[in-house]
């Protein structure tokens, strides 16, 4: 008879034993993800032959709270494959001993230092400082997911990082390529408060600095994976930027990037750089995920027309348009504006001051 042991949730890591034999473990290092994960471990049949079974759990938490947190209904032993059948409850009083009391630890204030990469200066002092003053040809910056909730702060931090590295390496304004965050979560045409859309705009602001480039990746992400597997497309786009802007080759530096707008009656004309042979659509006859607003700042799905190297945008019920947004969502999966070379246009809002 093969049993299944369910001990509910353990905050944060655990090693679980049945009859003195380890039957499962979850969590390692500084991983906080398992703090709310149900544990289910099989118990070898050999451990149940004596009629008595001792269950022991070594719970470990390196910050905040810890221990077995239930809920009670999930703490039980059942026949494997028969979760709805009879079970032996494990909730209630357990004998316990404290192996080591770390106290109440908040890693934002305590517990910092070697082994915690979030410590102030830790990454710079261990990964960049040892390289100085070695010569450097350029840098690629592919990061941002953990900071996506604070686009305004990141806009300044990224600029400071670029300028600080250039100062410390002492070789002038070396090329700095930034990979913009990809698409993620459920597809949407427009989300006015999308955190990742605001963050992509903050990343694009690095282009205000000399010799910087941007690899747009809103078409090669995965809805359910914060670290998508398609790195080849990212590498190729960075390479094309480097060939064009750093090595002076005849290559396009990337996809269309918004530069300016001009109001023409009830329409807005948009201007881009990196247009190449002209603007194009990946599919369909209209630009998807494109919205326009009047003075009330109420955005509506927009109509559009490619006009050479520019894009005309309007809405029949908006007489005095003021702003346009494109691909403004965490996952603007239907975004289809590109250049004739097949490089996707970057997301944009024509009036950055309209959102925090």
Protein backbone atom coordinates (compact mmCIF):
# COMPACT_ATOMS: atom_id res chain seq x y z
CA UNK A 1 0.00 0.00 0.00
CA UNK A 2 1.46 3.33 -1.08
CA UNK A 3 0.56 6.41 0.97
CA UNK A 4 0.63 10.06 0.14
CA UNK A 5 1.64 12.61 2.71
CA UNK A 6 0.19 16.13 2.56
CA UNK A 7 1.51 18.59 5.12
CA UNK A 8 -0.15 21.72 3.79
CA UNK A 9 1.99 24.81 3.38
CA UNK A 10 5.40 25.30 4.95
CA UNK A 11 6.78 28.82 5.18
CA UNK A 12 9.35 28.81 3.50
CA UNK A 13 11.51 25.71 2.99
CA UNK A 14 11.15 22.18 4.31
CA UNK A 15 12.71 18.75 4.45
CA UNK A 16 10.09 16.14 5.31
CA UNK A 17 10.66 12.66 6.76
CA UNK A 18 8.45 9.58 7.20
CA UNK A 19 9.72 6.90 9.55
CA UNK A 20 13.14 8.58 9.65
CA UNK A 21 13.53 8.57 5.87
CA UNK A 22 13.46 11.75 3.79
CA UNK A 23 10.42 11.71 1.47
CA UNK A 24 10.66 15.20 -0.02
CA UNK A 25 11.99 18.71 0.24
CA UNK A 26 11.06 22.11 -1.20
CA UNK A 27 13.04 25.36 -1.43
CA UNK A 28 16.70 26.34 -1.34
CA UNK A 29 18.92 29.37 -0.93
CA UNK A 30 17.03 32.65 -0.64
CA UNK A 31 14.02 31.44 -2.63
CA UNK A 32 10.80 32.83 -1.11
CA UNK A 33 8.47 31.38 -3.75
CA UNK A 34 7.55 28.19 -1.80
CA UNK A 35 6.13 30.15 1.16
CA UNK A 36 2.54 29.42 0.04
CA UNK A 37 3.06 26.17 -1.85
CA UNK A 38 1.24 22.99 -0.76
CA UNK A 39 3.57 20.06 -0.08
CA UNK A 40 2.62 16.61 -1.31
CA UNK A 41 5.15 13.80 -0.87
CA UNK A 42 4.79 10.03 -1.49
CA UNK A 43 5.64 7.65 1.37
CA UNK A 44 7.45 4.44 0.40
CA UNK A 45 5.44 1.32 1.27
CA UNK A 46 8.37 -0.04 3.31
CA UNK A 47 7.93 2.79 5.81
CA UNK A 48 4.36 1.74 6.72
CA UNK A 49 4.90 -1.93 7.68
CA UNK A 50 5.30 -1.49 11.44
CA UNK A 51 1.82 -0.03 12.00
CA UNK A 52 3.26 3.19 13.35
CA UNK A 53 4.53 6.09 11.26
CA UNK A 54 6.36 9.14 12.57
CA UNK A 55 6.14 12.24 10.41
CA UNK A 56 8.81 14.91 10.94
CA UNK A 57 9.25 18.22 9.16
CA UNK A 58 12.34 20.39 9.28
CA UNK A 59 10.97 23.84 8.48
CA UNK A 60 13.30 26.70 7.63
CA UNK A 61 12.54 30.39 7.11
CA UNK A 62 15.30 32.95 6.64
CA UNK A 63 13.07 36.03 6.88
CA UNK A 64 9.67 37.12 8.19
CA UNK A 65 7.42 34.34 9.56
CA UNK A 66 7.89 30.58 9.21
CA UNK A 67 6.63 27.11 10.10
CA UNK A 68 3.71 24.86 9.14
CA UNK A 69 0.81 27.11 8.19
CA UNK A 70 -1.86 24.67 6.96
CA UNK A 71 -4.69 25.11 6.26
CA UNK A 72 -5.76 22.18 8.42
CA UNK A 73 -7.84 20.50 5.71
CA UNK A 74 -4.73 20.04 3.55
CA UNK A 75 -2.71 18.29 6.28
CA UNK A 76 -3.43 14.56 5.99
CA UNK A 77 -2.25 11.18 4.79
CA UNK A 78 -4.18 9.48 2.00
CA UNK A 79 -3.82 6.53 -0.32
CA UNK A 80 -1.87 7.70 -3.33
CA UNK A 81 -4.24 8.45 -6.20
CA UNK A 82 -7.27 8.49 -3.89
CA UNK A 83 -7.23 12.05 -2.53
CA UNK A 84 -11.02 12.01 -2.02
CA UNK A 85 -11.06 8.79 -0.03
CA UNK A 86 -10.42 8.16 3.66
CA UNK A 87 -7.49 10.00 5.17
CA UNK A 88 -5.60 10.33 8.43
CA UNK A 89 -5.58 13.95 9.61
CA UNK A 90 -2.27 15.55 10.53
CA UNK A 91 -3.60 18.87 11.79
CA UNK A 92 -3.48 19.56 15.50
CA UNK A 93 -0.72 19.72 18.10
CA UNK A 94 2.75 18.71 16.95
CA UNK A 95 5.80 18.17 19.13
CA UNK A 96 8.44 20.65 18.06
CA UNK A 97 11.85 22.04 18.87
CA UNK A 98 13.52 25.24 17.73
CA UNK A 99 16.78 24.35 16.01
CA UNK A 100 17.91 27.94 15.49
CA UNK A 101 16.10 31.21 16.17
CA UNK A 102 17.04 33.87 13.60
CA UNK A 103 14.65 36.37 15.15
CA UNK A 104 12.33 38.46 13.01
CA UNK A 105 14.38 39.24 9.93
CA UNK A 106 13.48 41.80 7.27
CA UNK A 107 16.03 41.55 4.48
CA UNK A 108 15.38 45.12 3.47
CA UNK A 109 16.92 46.19 6.78
CA UNK A 110 18.88 43.22 8.13
CA UNK A 111 20.40 40.00 6.91
CA UNK A 112 22.25 41.81 4.13
CA UNK A 113 25.76 41.05 2.96
CA UNK A 114 27.45 38.24 1.07
CA UNK A 115 24.94 35.69 -0.15
CA UNK A 116 22.18 38.25 -0.66
CA UNK A 117 22.47 39.85 -4.07
CA UNK A 118 20.02 42.59 -3.09
CA UNK A 119 22.45 44.11 -0.62
CA UNK A 120 23.49 47.68 -1.45
CA UNK A 121 26.55 47.73 -3.78
CA UNK A 122 26.76 43.92 -3.70
CA UNK A 123 26.44 43.32 -7.46
CA UNK A 124 28.59 46.29 -8.45
CA UNK A 125 31.37 45.56 -5.97
CA UNK A 126 31.54 41.88 -6.92
CA UNK A 127 30.83 41.95 -10.66
CA UNK A 128 31.85 45.34 -12.05
CA UNK A 129 34.43 46.85 -9.69
CA UNK A 130 36.92 43.96 -10.17
CA UNK A 131 36.96 44.69 -13.93
CA UNK A 132 38.04 48.31 -13.57
CA UNK A 133 39.90 49.85 -15.30
CA UNK A 134 39.82 47.25 -18.07
CA UNK A 135 38.93 48.52 -21.54
CA UNK A 136 35.34 47.95 -22.64
CA UNK A 137 33.83 47.97 -26.13
CA UNK A 138 30.20 48.15 -25.07
CA UNK A 139 27.51 46.79 -22.80
CA UNK A 140 24.15 45.04 -23.12
CA UNK A 141 21.58 45.53 -20.36
CA UNK A 142 18.86 42.88 -20.20
CA UNK A 143 16.99 43.39 -16.92
CA UNK A 144 13.92 45.05 -15.46
CA UNK A 145 11.25 42.49 -14.55
CA UNK A 146 11.80 42.93 -10.80
CA UNK A 147 11.57 46.72 -11.12
CA UNK A 148 8.51 46.93 -13.36
CA UNK A 149 6.35 48.29 -10.56
CA UNK A 150 8.26 51.58 -10.34
CA UNK A 151 8.88 52.91 -13.84
CA UNK A 152 9.53 56.49 -12.75
CA UNK A 153 12.35 55.50 -10.40
CA UNK A 154 13.85 53.09 -12.92
CA UNK A 155 13.98 55.78 -15.59
CA UNK A 156 16.43 57.71 -13.42
CA UNK A 157 18.28 54.61 -12.16
CA UNK A 158 19.00 53.31 -15.66
CA UNK A 159 20.28 56.69 -16.80
CA UNK A 160 22.50 56.93 -13.71
CA UNK A 161 23.84 53.41 -14.29
CA UNK A 162 24.84 54.16 -17.88
CA UNK A 163 26.53 57.42 -17.00
CA UNK A 164 28.26 55.93 -13.92
CA UNK A 165 29.67 52.97 -15.81
CA UNK A 166 30.93 55.23 -18.58
CA UNK A 167 32.64 57.42 -16.01
CA UNK A 168 34.23 54.52 -14.11
CA UNK A 169 35.50 52.63 -17.15
CA UNK A 170 37.06 55.86 -18.38
CA UNK A 171 36.75 55.17 -22.11
CA UNK A 172 34.09 57.72 -22.94
CA UNK A 173 30.53 57.06 -24.11
CA UNK A 174 30.90 53.38 -24.96
CA UNK A 175 27.86 51.80 -26.70
CA UNK A 176 25.09 50.69 -24.37
CA UNK A 177 22.27 48.47 -25.67
CA UNK A 178 19.06 48.04 -23.66
CA UNK A 179 16.65 45.12 -24.13
CA UNK A 180 13.09 46.33 -23.62
CA UNK A 181 10.77 44.10 -21.57
CA UNK A 182 8.82 41.55 -23.66
CA UNK A 183 5.10 40.83 -23.62
CA UNK A 184 3.70 38.88 -20.66
CA UNK A 185 0.37 37.86 -19.03
CA UNK A 186 -3.00 37.67 -20.82
CA UNK A 187 -3.19 39.44 -24.20
CA UNK A 188 -4.91 42.84 -24.24
CA UNK A 189 -5.32 45.62 -26.78
CA UNK A 190 -5.09 48.49 -24.29
CA UNK A 191 -4.48 48.77 -20.55
CA UNK A 192 -4.20 52.41 -19.47
CA UNK A 193 -2.35 51.54 -16.24
CA UNK A 194 -0.23 48.65 -17.51
CA UNK A 195 2.93 48.55 -15.38
CA UNK A 196 5.02 46.89 -18.08
CA UNK A 197 3.94 49.44 -20.69
CA UNK A 198 5.04 52.31 -18.44
CA UNK A 199 8.26 50.49 -17.73
CA UNK A 200 9.04 49.98 -21.43
CA UNK A 201 8.68 53.72 -21.86
CA UNK A 202 11.15 54.29 -19.02
CA UNK A 203 13.62 51.95 -20.73
CA UNK A 204 13.20 53.77 -24.05
CA UNK A 205 14.09 57.02 -22.29
CA UNK A 206 17.69 55.76 -22.13
CA UNK A 207 17.89 56.66 -25.82
CA UNK A 208 18.18 60.29 -24.73
CA UNK A 209 21.79 59.45 -23.88
CA UNK A 210 24.37 59.28 -26.69
CA UNK A 211 25.32 55.94 -28.26
CA UNK A 212 22.49 53.98 -26.70
CA UNK A 213 20.26 51.46 -28.46
CA UNK A 214 17.00 49.63 -27.80
CA UNK A 215 15.98 46.10 -28.73
CA UNK A 216 12.17 45.89 -28.89
CA UNK A 217 10.86 42.47 -27.81
CA UNK A 218 7.07 42.83 -27.45
CA UNK A 219 6.62 40.11 -30.06
CA UNK A 220 8.86 37.39 -28.66
CA UNK A 221 7.74 37.01 -25.05
CA UNK A 222 5.53 34.37 -23.43
CA UNK A 223 2.31 35.08 -21.56
CA UNK A 224 3.19 32.74 -18.71
CA UNK A 225 6.98 33.04 -18.48
CA UNK A 226 8.75 36.11 -17.14
CA UNK A 227 11.96 34.82 -18.78
CA UNK A 228 10.92 33.81 -22.34
CA UNK A 229 13.03 31.28 -24.19
CA UNK A 230 13.44 33.18 -27.48
CA UNK A 231 16.85 34.75 -26.95
CA UNK A 232 17.94 34.37 -30.58
CA UNK A 233 15.60 37.13 -31.76
CA UNK A 234 16.86 39.39 -28.98
CA UNK A 235 20.47 38.71 -29.94
CA UNK A 236 19.86 39.38 -33.62
CA UNK A 237 18.18 42.72 -32.91
CA UNK A 238 21.02 43.80 -30.66
CA UNK A 239 23.51 42.70 -33.30
CA UNK A 240 21.80 44.75 -36.02
CA UNK A 241 21.85 47.81 -33.77
CA UNK A 242 25.55 47.31 -33.07
CA UNK A 243 26.41 46.77 -36.73
CA UNK A 244 24.60 49.95 -37.76
CA UNK A 245 25.40 52.33 -34.92
CA UNK A 246 28.72 51.05 -33.60
CA UNK A 247 30.50 49.48 -36.56
CA UNK A 248 29.06 51.66 -39.33
CA UNK A 249 27.73 48.78 -41.42
CA UNK A 250 24.79 49.14 -43.79
CA UNK A 251 22.17 47.72 -41.44
CA UNK A 252 18.97 49.01 -39.89
CA UNK A 253 19.40 49.87 -36.21
CA UNK A 254 16.00 48.46 -35.23
CA UNK A 255 12.27 48.91 -35.66
CA UNK A 256 10.31 52.18 -35.90
CA UNK A 257 10.58 54.31 -32.76
CA UNK A 258 8.18 57.19 -32.15
CA UNK A 259 9.75 60.66 -32.47
CA UNK A 260 7.05 63.31 -32.86
CA UNK A 261 3.42 64.05 -33.66
CA UNK A 262 1.65 66.78 -35.63
CA UNK A 263 -2.03 67.64 -35.30
CA UNK A 264 -3.73 67.94 -38.70
CA UNK A 265 -7.37 68.86 -38.08
CA UNK A 266 -9.08 65.80 -36.64
CA UNK A 267 -6.07 63.61 -37.31
CA UNK A 268 -2.63 63.11 -35.83
CA UNK A 269 0.39 62.41 -38.00
CA UNK A 270 3.11 60.37 -36.30
CA UNK A 271 6.79 60.49 -37.20
CA UNK A 272 9.31 57.73 -36.53
CA UNK A 273 12.98 56.93 -36.84
CA UNK A 274 14.33 53.56 -38.02
CA UNK A 275 11.63 53.47 -40.68
CA UNK A 276 13.95 51.85 -43.22
CA UNK A 277 12.10 51.29 -46.48
CA UNK A 278 8.84 52.51 -44.96
CA UNK A 279 6.17 51.59 -42.44
CA UNK A 280 4.36 48.29 -42.88
CA UNK A 281 1.88 45.99 -41.14
CA UNK A 282 2.68 42.48 -40.04
CA UNK A 283 -0.94 41.50 -40.69
CA UNK A 284 -4.31 43.14 -41.39
CA UNK A 285 -5.11 46.52 -42.91
CA UNK A 286 -5.21 48.62 -39.72
CA UNK A 287 -2.69 49.15 -36.96
CA UNK A 288 -3.84 47.06 -33.99
CA UNK A 289 -3.49 48.05 -30.30
CA UNK A 290 -3.61 51.70 -31.39
CA UNK A 291 -5.74 54.17 -29.40
CA UNK A 292 -6.36 57.90 -29.63
CA UNK A 293 -7.74 60.51 -27.21
CA UNK A 294 -9.13 64.03 -27.27
CA UNK A 295 -8.83 66.64 -24.56
CA UNK A 296 -10.83 64.44 -22.17
CA UNK A 297 -7.97 61.88 -22.35
CA UNK A 298 -10.48 59.11 -22.94
CA UNK A 299 -8.68 56.72 -25.27
CA UNK A 300 -10.62 54.92 -27.99
CA UNK A 301 -9.62 52.37 -30.64
CA UNK A 302 -8.14 54.35 -33.51
CA UNK A 303 -8.34 54.18 -37.26
CA UNK A 304 -5.10 54.56 -39.14
CA UNK A 305 -3.46 54.79 -42.53
CA UNK A 306 0.15 54.31 -43.52
CA UNK A 307 1.33 57.40 -45.39
CA UNK A 308 4.82 56.80 -46.64
CA UNK A 309 7.15 57.09 -43.69
CA UNK A 310 4.45 58.45 -41.37
CA UNK A 311 1.25 57.15 -39.79
CA UNK A 312 -2.08 59.00 -39.81
CA UNK A 313 -4.35 58.28 -36.82
CA UNK A 314 -7.93 59.36 -36.12
CA UNK A 315 -11.32 58.50 -34.67
CA UNK A 316 -14.53 59.66 -36.34
CA UNK A 317 -16.00 60.94 -33.06
CA UNK A 318 -12.90 62.80 -31.86
CA UNK A 319 -12.73 66.24 -33.48
CA UNK A 320 -9.70 67.56 -31.60
CA UNK A 321 -7.26 64.69 -30.88
CA UNK A 322 -4.30 65.29 -28.60
CA UNK A 323 -2.55 61.97 -27.98
CA UNK A 324 -1.97 58.45 -29.26
CA UNK A 325 -0.79 55.27 -27.57
CA UNK A 326 0.41 52.11 -29.26
CA UNK A 327 0.94 48.62 -27.79
CA UNK A 328 0.08 50.03 -24.38
CA UNK A 329 -0.53 46.79 -22.46
CA UNK A 330 1.47 44.18 -20.57
CA UNK A 331 0.93 41.83 -23.50
CA UNK A 332 -0.05 43.71 -26.68
CA UNK A 333 -0.05 40.45 -28.58
CA UNK A 334 -1.84 41.86 -31.65
CA UNK A 335 0.60 44.77 -32.13
CA UNK A 336 1.42 44.72 -35.83
CA UNK A 337 3.24 47.93 -36.82
CA UNK A 338 6.73 47.42 -38.22
CA UNK A 339 9.00 48.60 -41.02
CA UNK A 340 9.38 46.93 -44.40
CA UNK A 341 12.44 45.13 -43.07
CA UNK A 342 10.22 43.29 -40.57
CA UNK A 343 11.44 44.98 -37.36
CA UNK A 344 8.57 45.69 -34.92
CA UNK A 345 7.74 49.24 -33.83
CA UNK A 346 8.35 50.07 -30.19
CA UNK A 347 5.41 50.82 -27.85
CA UNK A 348 4.82 54.51 -27.22
CA UNK A 349 2.62 57.20 -25.73
CA UNK A 350 2.87 60.58 -27.48
CA UNK A 351 2.38 62.49 -24.23
CA UNK A 352 4.45 60.92 -21.46
CA UNK A 353 3.24 63.43 -18.89
CA UNK A 354 -0.27 62.00 -19.05
CA UNK A 355 0.58 59.09 -16.76
CA UNK A 356 2.71 58.83 -13.63
